[in-house]
Amino acid sequence: MSESAIPYRQYDPSLLEPVYPQRTRNLEDLAIALAAKSGQLTQGLHPIVLRSLGELVRSMNCYYSNLIEGHRTRPIDIERALAQDFSSDLEQRNLQLEAKAHIEVQTLLDLDPTWQTLDVVSPEFIQRLHHEFYQRLPEAFWQFGEVSVQPGAWRSVNVQIGRHVPPPPETLTRFLDRFAQVYQSERLSKVDQILAAAAAHHRFVWIHPFLDGNGRVVRLFSHAYFQRIGIGSSLWSVSRGLARQMQEYRSCLAQADQQRRNDYDGRGNLSMAGLVEFCEFFLETCIDQIDFMTKTLEPTQLLNRIEAYVAIAVQQKSLLPGSYLLLKAAFLEGEVARGQASAITGYQERQARSVLKRLLEQGLLVADSPKGAVRLGFPTLAAEQWLPRLWAD
C-alpha cells in the first residue's frame, strides 16, 4: 500500500519508526568526531570576540538557510536590514525582512536565557519557534496558495511534498507528542544525543507540522537541539553545509522518506537504510562546517588576514597608520578603553583619536556607547576578506 493510500485510521505515530538510526560503527565515529571537534572551535579566541563573531555567523546562517528555500539576499543587504536600512524595491525589502526575522529568532536561541530552559523537542517549543519567526515576516510571505499561514499554527490542510504525503492535520498533535517523547535528550548518552539530533531533523520534516516555513524552522530547531546537548554554538551553522550540497540534502531527505524496502531494512514503517544514510550525510556536513570554521578562525591566520587588509586600506588612505595595532589589541584583549588608544598606537592623543574614529566609522571597531570601550566589529565588506569563503555559494 502506498503511503498516500494509508487510511486515516492507520495514521498512528508508529509510522515514524524507526526513530533512531541503526548504531553503525561509521555513525558512532562521526558522532565522536563531532563532539571532539565542536569543543575545539573556540580555542584561542577571547569571549568578547566570540560574541561579535556570533553576530556575523547568525547573518551567515540566515543567508544560507533562506538560500535553500530559493531566497537569495546579499550579505550587504542583510547588514543593511539589521541597521533598519531597507530597499525601496518591495520584493528586496521583503527578503531583507525575512533575513532580519531569522537572525532575531536565532539571537533568542543563542542569548535569551528564558529560551535556554525550554524543552526543544516539545510541541510548545516548536510552535513558539514558528510563531516568533513568522510574526516577524511581511504578510506577503504568509500567503500559501489560497490559504494564509498563521504564526505558530499547525498545518490545517493535507499537503504533498514531492512523493511524500505527510500525516493529515488531525493527527499532527499525536505525531508531535511522539516526536517529543522519543527525542528527549536527557536520558541518552552523548553519542545517542548526536544521532538523535540528526534523526530528529528528518522526522521533523517528515511530519511537516506547518503549512509553510518547515525548512527554516527545522534548521533553527537543529541549531537549538545541538546547543542543548553541548555541541552547537553561535560559531558554526549546518545551514551553510546543507546549502552548498542542496541537491544531496534533498535527495537524502527523500531517501529517508521511503517506506521499508524489504525484510533487511529494519522493522519500522520507514526505511532504516534511508535514515542511516541521511544521518551520515547530516553529521558529515556538521563536521565539515566545524572544520571550516576552525580553520577560518585560527587566531594567527585571522590576525594575518586582518593585518593584510589594513595594510591595503592604509595604502588607499581609507584607514590611518596605527589602525592594525588597535584592531590587534581588541582581538587579543576583547575590548579596549578609548583612553588606551594613544599608548597602543604610540601616537599623540589627538592623532590616536583620529585613528580610532576612522575605525569606528567603518565598523571595524564597535562600542555600546559613545564613550564606552571598543571591541572588534565584523562589517560585511571586511569580513569577506578576514573570513574568506564565508558566503561562497
Protein backbone atom coordinates (compact mmCIF):
# COMPACT_ATOMS: atom_id res chain seq x y z
CA MET A 1 0.00 0.00 0.00
CA SER A 2 1.44 3.38 -0.96
CA GLU A 3 1.82 5.99 1.75
CA SER A 4 -0.76 8.24 0.09
CA ALA A 5 -3.26 5.37 0.32
CA ILE A 6 -2.91 4.81 4.07
CA PRO A 7 -6.37 5.20 5.62
CA TYR A 8 -6.78 7.96 8.18
CA ARG A 9 -7.42 5.49 11.00
CA GLN A 10 -3.98 3.94 10.37
CA TYR A 11 -2.10 7.21 10.74
CA ASP A 12 -0.61 6.17 14.03
CA PRO A 13 2.62 7.71 15.45
CA SER A 14 4.25 4.29 14.96
CA LEU A 15 4.60 5.38 11.31
CA LEU A 16 7.60 7.43 12.50
CA GLU A 17 9.54 4.24 13.23
CA PRO A 18 12.43 3.80 13.21
CA VAL A 19 13.08 6.95 15.23
CA TYR A 20 16.79 6.20 15.72
CA PRO A 21 19.25 5.02 13.09
CA GLN A 22 20.98 1.68 13.46
CA ARG A 23 24.09 2.43 15.52
CA THR A 24 26.75 1.53 12.97
CA ARG A 25 30.49 1.94 13.52
CA ASN A 26 30.56 4.77 11.00
CA LEU A 27 27.78 6.69 12.75
CA GLU A 28 29.46 6.22 16.13
CA ASP A 29 32.76 7.51 14.71
CA LEU A 30 31.02 10.53 13.19
CA ALA A 31 29.26 11.35 16.47
CA ILE A 32 32.50 11.06 18.47
CA ALA A 33 34.38 13.22 15.94
CA LEU A 34 31.64 15.86 16.01
CA ALA A 35 31.71 16.05 19.81
CA ALA A 36 35.52 16.36 19.87
CA LYS A 37 35.76 18.95 17.12
CA SER A 38 32.97 21.13 18.49
CA GLY A 39 34.91 21.52 21.74
CA GLN A 40 37.99 22.83 19.95
CA LEU A 41 36.30 25.54 17.90
CA THR A 42 36.62 28.41 20.37
CA GLN A 43 40.21 27.78 21.47
CA GLY A 44 42.40 30.88 21.46
CA LEU A 45 39.57 33.35 20.97
CA HIS A 46 38.51 35.93 23.57
CA PRO A 47 34.88 35.58 24.76
CA ILE A 48 34.09 39.15 23.67
CA VAL A 49 35.44 38.44 20.19
CA LEU A 50 33.34 35.28 20.14
CA ARG A 51 30.25 37.39 20.83
CA SER A 52 31.00 39.62 17.82
CA LEU A 53 31.71 36.60 15.64
CA GLY A 54 28.39 35.10 16.72
CA GLU A 55 26.59 38.12 15.29
CA LEU A 56 28.35 37.61 11.98
CA VAL A 57 27.66 33.86 11.87
CA ARG A 58 23.96 34.43 12.59
CA SER A 59 23.89 36.61 9.48
CA MET A 60 25.64 33.87 7.52
CA ASN A 61 23.24 31.24 8.88
CA CYS A 62 20.14 33.11 7.74
CA TYR A 63 21.74 33.75 4.33
CA TYR A 64 22.24 30.03 3.69
CA SER A 65 19.02 28.82 5.31
CA ASN A 66 16.99 31.18 3.14
CA LEU A 67 19.09 30.26 0.10
CA ILE A 68 17.94 26.66 0.49
CA GLU A 69 14.39 27.98 0.10
CA GLY A 70 15.38 29.82 -3.09
CA HIS A 71 15.52 33.22 -1.36
CA ARG A 72 18.81 34.96 -2.14
CA THR A 73 19.62 38.06 -0.10
CA ARG A 74 23.09 39.56 -0.43
CA PRO A 75 25.13 39.75 2.78
CA ILE A 76 25.43 43.53 2.45
CA ASP A 77 21.62 43.79 2.21
CA ILE A 78 21.27 41.66 5.35
CA GLU A 79 23.66 44.01 7.14
CA ARG A 80 21.61 47.00 5.99
CA ALA A 81 18.40 45.34 7.19
CA LEU A 82 19.87 44.96 10.67
CA ALA A 83 20.61 48.69 10.57
CA GLN A 84 16.97 49.37 9.53
CA ASP A 85 18.12 50.41 6.05
CA PHE A 86 15.61 48.76 3.74
CA SER A 87 15.41 48.73 -0.05
CA SER A 88 12.76 50.76 -1.83
CA ASP A 89 12.10 47.70 -4.00
CA LEU A 90 9.25 45.81 -2.28
CA GLU A 91 10.50 42.30 -3.18
CA GLN A 92 14.01 43.07 -1.97
CA ARG A 93 12.65 44.70 1.18
CA ASN A 94 10.61 41.59 1.97
CA LEU A 95 13.71 39.40 1.60
CA GLN A 96 15.58 41.75 3.95
CA LEU A 97 12.78 41.46 6.50
CA GLU A 98 12.87 37.66 6.18
CA ALA A 99 16.62 37.66 6.87
CA LYS A 100 16.19 40.01 9.81
CA ALA A 101 13.46 37.74 11.24
CA HIS A 102 15.70 34.69 11.05
CA ILE A 103 18.58 36.48 12.77
CA GLU A 104 16.35 37.82 15.54
CA VAL A 105 14.96 34.36 16.31
CA GLN A 106 18.39 32.75 16.33
CA THR A 107 19.57 35.55 18.63
CA LEU A 108 16.83 34.48 21.05
CA LEU A 109 18.10 30.90 20.86
CA ASP A 110 21.71 31.98 21.38
CA LEU A 111 21.38 34.70 24.01
CA ASP A 112 17.96 34.85 25.68
CA PRO A 113 18.16 32.89 28.98
CA THR A 114 14.40 32.31 29.01
CA TRP A 115 14.78 30.16 25.88
CA GLN A 116 17.55 28.10 27.46
CA THR A 117 15.12 26.46 29.90
CA LEU A 118 12.60 25.35 27.27
CA ASP A 119 12.28 21.74 26.11
CA VAL A 120 13.41 22.00 22.49
CA VAL A 121 11.60 18.84 21.34
CA SER A 122 8.25 19.80 22.86
CA PRO A 123 5.34 20.84 20.63
CA GLU A 124 5.17 24.11 22.59
CA PHE A 125 8.78 24.98 21.72
CA ILE A 126 8.30 24.08 18.05
CA GLN A 127 5.15 26.20 17.85
CA ARG A 128 6.86 29.09 19.58
CA LEU A 129 9.79 28.89 17.19
CA HIS A 130 7.48 29.12 14.18
CA HIS A 131 5.44 31.90 15.80
CA GLU A 132 8.48 34.03 16.60
CA PHE A 133 9.77 33.62 13.05
CA TYR A 134 6.53 34.13 11.13
CA GLN A 135 5.22 37.07 13.14
CA ARG A 136 8.33 38.97 12.03
CA LEU A 137 7.79 38.23 8.33
CA PRO A 138 5.97 40.60 5.99
CA GLU A 139 2.41 39.43 5.35
CA ALA A 140 3.32 38.79 1.71
CA PHE A 141 5.09 35.67 3.00
CA TRP A 142 2.02 34.49 4.89
CA GLN A 143 0.06 33.55 1.78
CA PHE A 144 0.36 29.90 0.76
CA GLY A 145 -1.80 29.36 -2.29
CA GLU A 146 -5.32 30.23 -1.19
CA VAL A 147 -4.57 29.63 2.49
CA SER A 148 -2.97 32.10 4.88
CA VAL A 149 -0.20 30.86 7.17
CA GLN A 150 -0.78 31.78 10.79
CA PRO A 151 2.31 32.19 13.01
CA GLY A 152 2.67 29.15 15.25
CA ALA A 153 -0.43 27.37 13.92
CA TRP A 154 -0.24 23.72 12.97
CA ARG A 155 -0.95 22.82 9.38
CA SER A 156 -4.69 22.70 8.75
CA VAL A 157 -4.78 21.08 5.29
CA ASN A 158 -3.38 17.99 3.61
CA VAL A 159 -0.26 18.54 1.51
CA GLN A 160 2.09 16.52 -0.66
CA ILE A 161 5.83 17.25 -0.77
CA GLY A 162 7.29 15.57 -3.82
CA ARG A 163 6.27 11.94 -3.40
CA HIS A 164 5.81 12.23 0.36
CA VAL A 165 2.37 12.72 1.88
CA PRO A 166 2.78 13.98 5.48
CA PRO A 167 0.28 12.93 8.17
CA PRO A 168 -3.19 14.52 8.00
CA PRO A 169 -3.60 17.70 10.08
CA GLU A 170 -5.95 15.96 12.52
CA THR A 171 -3.13 13.61 13.55
CA LEU A 172 -0.32 16.15 13.96
CA THR A 173 -0.56 16.53 17.73
CA ARG A 174 -0.19 12.76 18.19
CA PHE A 175 2.88 12.65 15.96
CA LEU A 176 4.44 15.67 17.67
CA ASP A 177 3.81 14.20 21.11
CA ARG A 178 5.59 11.04 19.96
CA PHE A 179 8.39 13.17 18.50
CA ALA A 180 8.85 14.89 21.88
CA GLN A 181 8.83 11.58 23.72
CA VAL A 182 11.45 9.78 21.65
CA TYR A 183 13.90 12.65 21.14
CA GLN A 184 14.24 13.74 24.77
CA SER A 185 18.00 14.10 25.11
CA GLU A 186 18.38 13.89 28.90
CA ARG A 187 18.14 10.10 29.03
CA LEU A 188 20.59 9.49 26.17
CA SER A 189 24.36 9.08 26.03
CA LYS A 190 26.35 11.78 24.20
CA VAL A 191 26.70 9.64 21.08
CA ASP A 192 22.98 8.83 21.07
CA GLN A 193 22.13 12.51 21.61
CA ILE A 194 24.06 13.41 18.46
CA LEU A 195 22.44 10.61 16.46
CA ALA A 196 19.05 11.76 17.76
CA ALA A 197 19.76 15.31 16.58
CA ALA A 198 20.36 14.03 13.06
CA ALA A 199 17.33 11.72 13.04
CA ALA A 200 15.04 14.37 14.54
CA HIS A 201 15.92 16.76 11.72
CA HIS A 202 14.49 14.36 9.17
CA ARG A 203 11.50 13.23 11.21
CA PHE A 204 10.51 16.88 11.79
CA VAL A 205 10.50 17.44 8.02
CA TRP A 206 8.59 14.17 7.50
CA ILE A 207 5.84 15.29 9.91
CA HIS A 208 5.73 18.70 8.17
CA PRO A 209 3.84 20.32 11.06
CA PHE A 210 3.35 23.76 9.48
CA LEU A 211 1.77 24.89 6.25
CA ASP A 212 4.95 26.76 5.35
CA GLY A 213 8.30 27.56 6.94
CA ASN A 214 9.14 23.98 7.92
CA GLY A 215 12.61 24.07 6.35
CA ARG A 216 13.75 27.26 8.03
CA VAL A 217 12.18 26.26 11.34
CA VAL A 218 13.76 22.78 11.33
CA ARG A 219 17.20 24.30 10.78
CA LEU A 220 16.62 26.65 13.71
CA PHE A 221 15.36 23.66 15.68
CA SER A 222 18.52 21.67 14.90
CA HIS A 223 20.63 24.66 15.97
CA ALA A 224 18.76 24.73 19.29
CA TYR A 225 19.00 20.95 19.74
CA PHE A 226 22.76 20.96 19.21
CA GLN A 227 23.11 23.81 21.68
CA ARG A 228 21.10 21.93 24.28
CA ILE A 229 23.32 18.85 24.06
CA GLY A 230 26.53 20.91 24.23
CA ILE A 231 27.56 20.50 20.59
CA GLY A 232 26.20 23.64 18.97
CA SER A 233 27.38 27.21 19.32
CA SER A 234 26.89 30.57 17.65
CA LEU A 235 30.12 29.99 15.67
CA TRP A 236 29.02 27.39 13.15
CA SER A 237 25.96 26.63 11.10
CA VAL A 238 24.88 23.40 9.46
CA SER A 239 22.80 25.54 7.06
CA ARG A 240 25.95 26.61 5.22
CA GLY A 241 26.87 23.00 4.54
CA LEU A 242 23.34 21.99 3.56
CA ALA A 243 23.02 24.91 1.14
CA ARG A 244 26.34 24.05 -0.50
CA GLN A 245 25.10 20.46 -1.05
CA MET A 246 21.48 21.31 -1.68
CA GLN A 247 20.72 18.51 -4.12
CA GLU A 248 22.29 15.84 -1.91
CA TYR A 249 20.45 17.27 1.11
CA ARG A 250 17.11 16.95 -0.65
CA SER A 251 17.98 13.53 -2.03
CA CYS A 252 18.90 12.21 1.43
CA LEU A 253 15.69 13.64 2.90
CA ALA A 254 13.72 11.86 0.16
CA GLN A 255 15.57 8.56 0.74
CA ALA A 256 14.70 8.69 4.43
CA ASP A 257 11.04 9.38 3.49
CA GLN A 258 10.79 5.97 1.82
CA GLN A 259 8.95 3.10 3.39
CA ARG A 260 10.76 -0.04 4.49
CA ARG A 261 12.18 -1.65 1.37
CA ASN A 262 12.47 -5.32 2.41
CA ASP A 263 12.98 -7.66 5.37
CA TYR A 264 16.59 -6.47 5.73
CA ASP A 265 15.63 -2.80 6.04
CA GLY A 266 14.77 -2.52 9.73
CA ARG A 267 11.48 -3.32 11.40
CA GLY A 268 9.68 0.03 11.26
CA ASN A 269 7.42 1.69 8.73
CA LEU A 270 10.19 3.81 7.20
CA SER A 271 13.47 2.72 5.66
CA MET A 272 16.25 2.16 8.19
CA ALA A 273 18.84 2.33 5.39
CA GLY A 274 17.40 5.68 4.30
CA LEU A 275 17.58 7.06 7.84
CA VAL A 276 21.17 5.85 8.32
CA GLU A 277 22.16 7.45 5.00
CA PHE A 278 20.57 10.75 5.97
CA CYS A 279 22.19 10.78 9.43
CA GLU A 280 25.60 10.05 7.91
CA PHE A 281 25.20 12.89 5.46
CA PHE A 282 23.93 15.27 8.14
CA LEU A 283 26.73 14.55 10.62
CA GLU A 284 29.41 14.66 7.91
CA THR A 285 28.06 18.08 6.93
CA CYS A 286 28.21 19.29 10.54
CA ILE A 287 31.81 18.11 10.88
CA ASP A 288 32.77 19.76 7.60
CA GLN A 289 31.34 23.09 8.78
CA ILE A 290 33.09 22.92 12.15
CA ASP A 291 36.36 22.10 10.37
CA PHE A 292 35.83 25.06 8.04
CA MET A 293 35.14 27.48 10.88
CA THR A 294 38.03 26.12 12.99
CA LYS A 295 40.43 26.77 10.12
CA THR A 296 38.90 30.15 9.32
CA LEU A 297 39.03 31.34 12.93
CA GLU A 298 42.55 30.11 13.69
CA PRO A 299 43.85 33.16 15.63
CA THR A 300 47.26 33.61 13.97
CA GLN A 301 45.90 33.28 10.44
CA LEU A 302 42.93 35.52 11.21
CA LEU A 303 45.25 38.22 12.55
CA ASN A 304 47.42 37.89 9.44
CA ARG A 305 44.40 38.47 7.20
CA ILE A 306 43.32 41.47 9.27
CA GLU A 307 46.84 42.92 9.03
CA ALA A 308 46.92 42.43 5.24
CA TYR A 309 43.50 44.07 4.91
CA VAL A 310 44.61 47.08 6.99
CA ALA A 311 47.86 47.47 5.04
CA ILE A 312 45.93 47.85 1.79
CA ALA A 313 43.38 50.18 3.42
CA VAL A 314 46.17 52.40 4.77
CA GLN A 315 47.79 52.47 1.35
CA GLN A 316 44.45 53.52 -0.14
CA LYS A 317 44.07 56.08 2.68
CA SER A 318 40.74 54.71 3.88
CA LEU A 319 42.42 53.85 7.21
CA LEU A 320 45.22 55.59 9.08
CA PRO A 321 48.57 54.13 10.15
CA GLY A 322 48.30 52.55 13.59
CA SER A 323 44.91 51.01 12.82
CA TYR A 324 46.15 47.42 12.94
CA LEU A 325 47.64 47.90 16.40
CA LEU A 326 44.22 48.89 17.76
CA LEU A 327 42.46 46.03 15.98
CA LYS A 328 45.05 43.54 17.23
CA ALA A 329 44.66 44.80 20.80
CA ALA A 330 40.87 44.43 20.57
CA PHE A 331 41.28 40.92 19.14
CA LEU A 332 43.63 39.78 21.89
CA GLU A 333 42.10 41.61 24.84
CA GLY A 334 38.43 41.55 23.88
CA GLU A 335 37.89 45.25 24.31
CA VAL A 336 39.99 48.40 24.61
CA ALA A 337 39.25 51.57 26.59
CA ARG A 338 39.31 54.60 24.32
CA GLY A 339 41.89 56.24 26.54
CA GLN A 340 44.34 53.44 25.70
CA ALA A 341 44.45 54.33 22.01
CA SER A 342 47.46 56.64 22.40
CA ALA A 343 49.53 54.07 24.31
CA ILE A 344 48.65 51.27 21.88
CA THR A 345 49.42 53.22 18.71
CA GLY A 346 52.34 55.23 20.11
CA TYR A 347 50.74 58.41 18.75
CA GLN A 348 49.84 61.63 20.46
CA GLU A 349 46.30 61.65 21.86
CA ARG A 350 44.79 63.73 19.06
CA GLN A 351 46.27 61.55 16.30
CA ALA A 352 45.32 58.37 18.16
CA ARG A 353 41.73 59.61 18.41
CA SER A 354 41.69 60.12 14.64
CA VAL A 355 42.82 56.53 14.08
CA LEU A 356 40.14 55.28 16.46
CA LYS A 357 37.44 57.44 14.90
CA ARG A 358 38.13 56.10 11.40
CA LEU A 359 37.93 52.50 12.64
CA LEU A 360 34.62 53.21 14.36
CA GLU A 361 33.20 54.91 11.25
CA GLN A 362 33.95 51.80 9.19
CA GLY A 363 32.54 49.43 11.80
CA LEU A 364 35.87 47.67 12.30
CA LEU A 365 35.59 48.66 15.94
CA VAL A 366 32.22 48.96 17.67
CA ALA A 367 31.04 50.16 21.06
CA ASP A 368 27.86 50.03 23.13
CA SER A 369 28.01 53.73 23.97
CA PRO A 370 29.71 56.90 22.63
CA LYS A 371 32.37 56.78 25.35
CA GLY A 372 32.40 53.05 26.08
CA ALA A 373 35.19 50.57 25.43
CA VAL A 374 35.59 49.40 21.85
CA ARG A 375 35.64 45.83 20.56
CA LEU A 376 36.26 44.19 17.22
CA GLY A 377 33.50 44.52 14.63
CA PHE A 378 32.94 42.35 11.57
CA PRO A 379 31.26 44.51 8.91
CA THR A 380 30.38 42.55 5.78
CA LEU A 381 32.88 44.11 3.39
CA ALA A 382 35.79 43.50 5.77
CA ALA A 383 34.55 40.09 6.91
CA GLU A 384 34.54 38.83 3.33
CA GLN A 385 38.33 39.24 3.38
CA TRP A 386 39.01 38.46 7.04
CA LEU A 387 36.95 35.25 6.83
CA PRO A 388 37.24 34.13 3.20
CA ARG A 389 34.61 31.84 1.65
CA LEU A 390 32.16 32.51 4.46
CA TRP A 391 29.46 33.36 1.93
CA ALA A 392 30.75 31.35 -1.01
CA ASP A 393 27.75 29.53 -2.50
